[in-house]
């Protein structure tokens, strides 16, 4: 999944945290909902402006960040 067109970072928005398509919902928000046990469908019902691709982009972004962190620590 190429998340680069979905995940955006703007210094003046949400403290520069990675957001979805320039909106105010962050990658961390979506990951927190998933970690709390919400299904993708429940998230999409609660946030109708999100898409399944947005959720997958959050997961891909987090996976890449984790991979980068592990590489830097070695």
C-alpha atoms as a PDB file:
ATOM      1  CA  UNK A   1       0.000   0.000   0.000  1.00  0.00           C
ATOM      2  CA  UNK A   2       1.441   3.344  -1.037  1.00  0.00           C
ATOM      3  CA  UNK A   3       0.296   5.686   1.709  1.00  0.00           C
ATOM      4  CA  UNK A   4       2.288   8.725   0.559  1.00  0.00           C
ATOM      5  CA  UNK A   5      -0.737  10.351  -1.113  1.00  0.00           C
ATOM      6  CA  UNK A   6      -2.985   9.635   1.877  1.00  0.00           C
ATOM      7  CA  UNK A   7      -0.882  10.366   4.960  1.00  0.00           C
ATOM      8  CA  UNK A   8       0.020  14.045   5.236  1.00  0.00           C
ATOM      9  CA  UNK A   9       2.123  15.997   7.705  1.00  0.00           C
ATOM     10  CA  UNK A  10       1.524  19.722   8.146  1.00  0.00           C
ATOM     11  CA  UNK A  11       3.431  21.572  10.878  1.00  0.00           C
ATOM     12  CA  UNK A  12       0.425  23.708  11.882  1.00  0.00           C
ATOM     13  CA  UNK A  13      -2.099  20.875  12.004  1.00  0.00           C
ATOM     14  CA  UNK A  14      -2.424  18.590  15.037  1.00  0.00           C
ATOM     15  CA  UNK A  15       1.090  19.503  16.132  1.00  0.00           C
ATOM     16  CA  UNK A  16       2.662  18.122  12.973  1.00  0.00           C
ATOM     17  CA  UNK A  17       1.371  14.599  13.566  1.00  0.00           C
ATOM     18  CA  UNK A  18       0.685  12.447  10.500  1.00  0.00           C
ATOM     19  CA  UNK A  19      -2.936  12.955   9.429  1.00  0.00           C
ATOM     20  CA  UNK A  20      -5.226  11.436   6.834  1.00  0.00           C
ATOM     21  CA  UNK A  21      -5.649  13.417   3.606  1.00  0.00           C
ATOM     22  CA  UNK A  22      -5.052  16.764   5.288  1.00  0.00           C
ATOM     23  CA  UNK A  23      -7.917  16.265   7.733  1.00  0.00           C
ATOM     24  CA  UNK A  24      -7.583  16.576  11.485  1.00  0.00           C
ATOM     25  CA  UNK A  25      -7.825  12.831  12.173  1.00  0.00           C
ATOM     26  CA  UNK A  26      -4.394  11.382  12.847  1.00  0.00           C
ATOM     27  CA  UNK A  27      -2.807   8.041  12.125  1.00  0.00           C
ATOM     28  CA  UNK A  28      -2.542   7.631  15.889  1.00  0.00           C
ATOM     29  CA  UNK A  29      -6.308   8.158  16.267  1.00  0.00           C
ATOM     30  CA  UNK A  30      -7.080   5.377  13.792  1.00  0.00           C
ATOM     31  CA  UNK A  31      -4.488   3.008  15.254  1.00  0.00           C
ATOM     32  CA  UNK A  32      -5.874   3.660  18.742  1.00  0.00           C
ATOM     33  CA  UNK A  33      -9.388   2.757  17.593  1.00  0.00           C
ATOM     34  CA  UNK A  34      -8.113  -0.470  16.043  1.00  0.00           C
ATOM     35  CA  UNK A  35      -6.073  -1.297  19.159  1.00  0.00           C
ATOM     36  CA  UNK A  36      -9.158  -0.733  21.309  1.00  0.00           C
ATOM     37  CA  UNK A  37     -10.950  -3.427  19.324  1.00  0.00           C
ATOM     38  CA  UNK A  38     -12.974  -1.394  16.844  1.00  0.00           C
ATOM     39  CA  UNK A  39     -13.393  -3.071  13.489  1.00  0.00           C
ATOM     40  CA  UNK A  40     -12.671  -1.261  10.248  1.00  0.00           C
ATOM     41  CA  UNK A  41     -16.408  -1.173   9.564  1.00  0.00           C
ATOM     42  CA  UNK A  42     -17.113   0.398  12.956  1.00  0.00           C
ATOM     43  CA  UNK A  43     -14.511   3.093  12.311  1.00  0.00           C
ATOM     44  CA  UNK A  44     -15.973   3.761   8.874  1.00  0.00           C
ATOM     45  CA  UNK A  45     -19.472   4.003  10.374  1.00  0.00           C
ATOM     46  CA  UNK A  46     -18.288   6.486  13.021  1.00  0.00           C
ATOM     47  CA  UNK A  47     -16.202   8.496  10.555  1.00  0.00           C
ATOM     48  CA  UNK A  48     -17.990   8.366   7.184  1.00  0.00           C
ATOM     49  CA  UNK A  49     -15.406  10.654   5.567  1.00  0.00           C
ATOM     50  CA  UNK A  50     -12.768   7.935   5.979  1.00  0.00           C
ATOM     51  CA  UNK A  51     -12.251   5.088   3.523  1.00  0.00           C
ATOM     52  CA  UNK A  52     -10.953   1.575   3.905  1.00  0.00           C
ATOM     53  CA  UNK A  53      -7.865   2.735   1.997  1.00  0.00           C
ATOM     54  CA  UNK A  54      -7.301   5.411   4.656  1.00  0.00           C
ATOM     55  CA  UNK A  55      -7.250   2.748   7.373  1.00  0.00           C
ATOM     56  CA  UNK A  56      -4.893   0.540   5.370  1.00  0.00           C
ATOM     57  CA  UNK A  57      -2.652   3.562   4.768  1.00  0.00           C
ATOM     58  CA  UNK A  58      -2.449   4.118   8.535  1.00  0.00           C
ATOM     59  CA  UNK A  59      -1.385   0.519   9.045  1.00  0.00           C
ATOM     60  CA  UNK A  60       1.179   0.706   6.240  1.00  0.00           C
ATOM     61  CA  UNK A  61       2.562   3.976   7.616  1.00  0.00           C
ATOM     62  CA  UNK A  62       2.889   2.463  11.098  1.00  0.00           C
ATOM     63  CA  UNK A  63       4.604  -0.632   9.696  1.00  0.00           C
ATOM     64  CA  UNK A  64       7.116   1.505   7.803  1.00  0.00           C
ATOM     65  CA  UNK A  65       7.792   3.642  10.882  1.00  0.00           C
ATOM     66  CA  UNK A  66       8.394   0.519  12.949  1.00  0.00           C
ATOM     67  CA  UNK A  67      10.750  -0.873  10.297  1.00  0.00           C
ATOM     68  CA  UNK A  68      12.638   2.432  10.206  1.00  0.00           C
ATOM     69  CA  UNK A  69      12.909   2.559  14.004  1.00  0.00           C
ATOM     70  CA  UNK A  70      14.321  -0.968  14.165  1.00  0.00           C
ATOM     71  CA  UNK A  71      16.835  -0.174  11.410  1.00  0.00           C
ATOM     72  CA  UNK A  72      18.045   2.983  13.163  1.00  0.00           C
ATOM     73  CA  UNK A  73      18.449   1.193  16.501  1.00  0.00           C
ATOM     74  CA  UNK A  74      20.793  -1.448  15.088  1.00  0.00           C
END
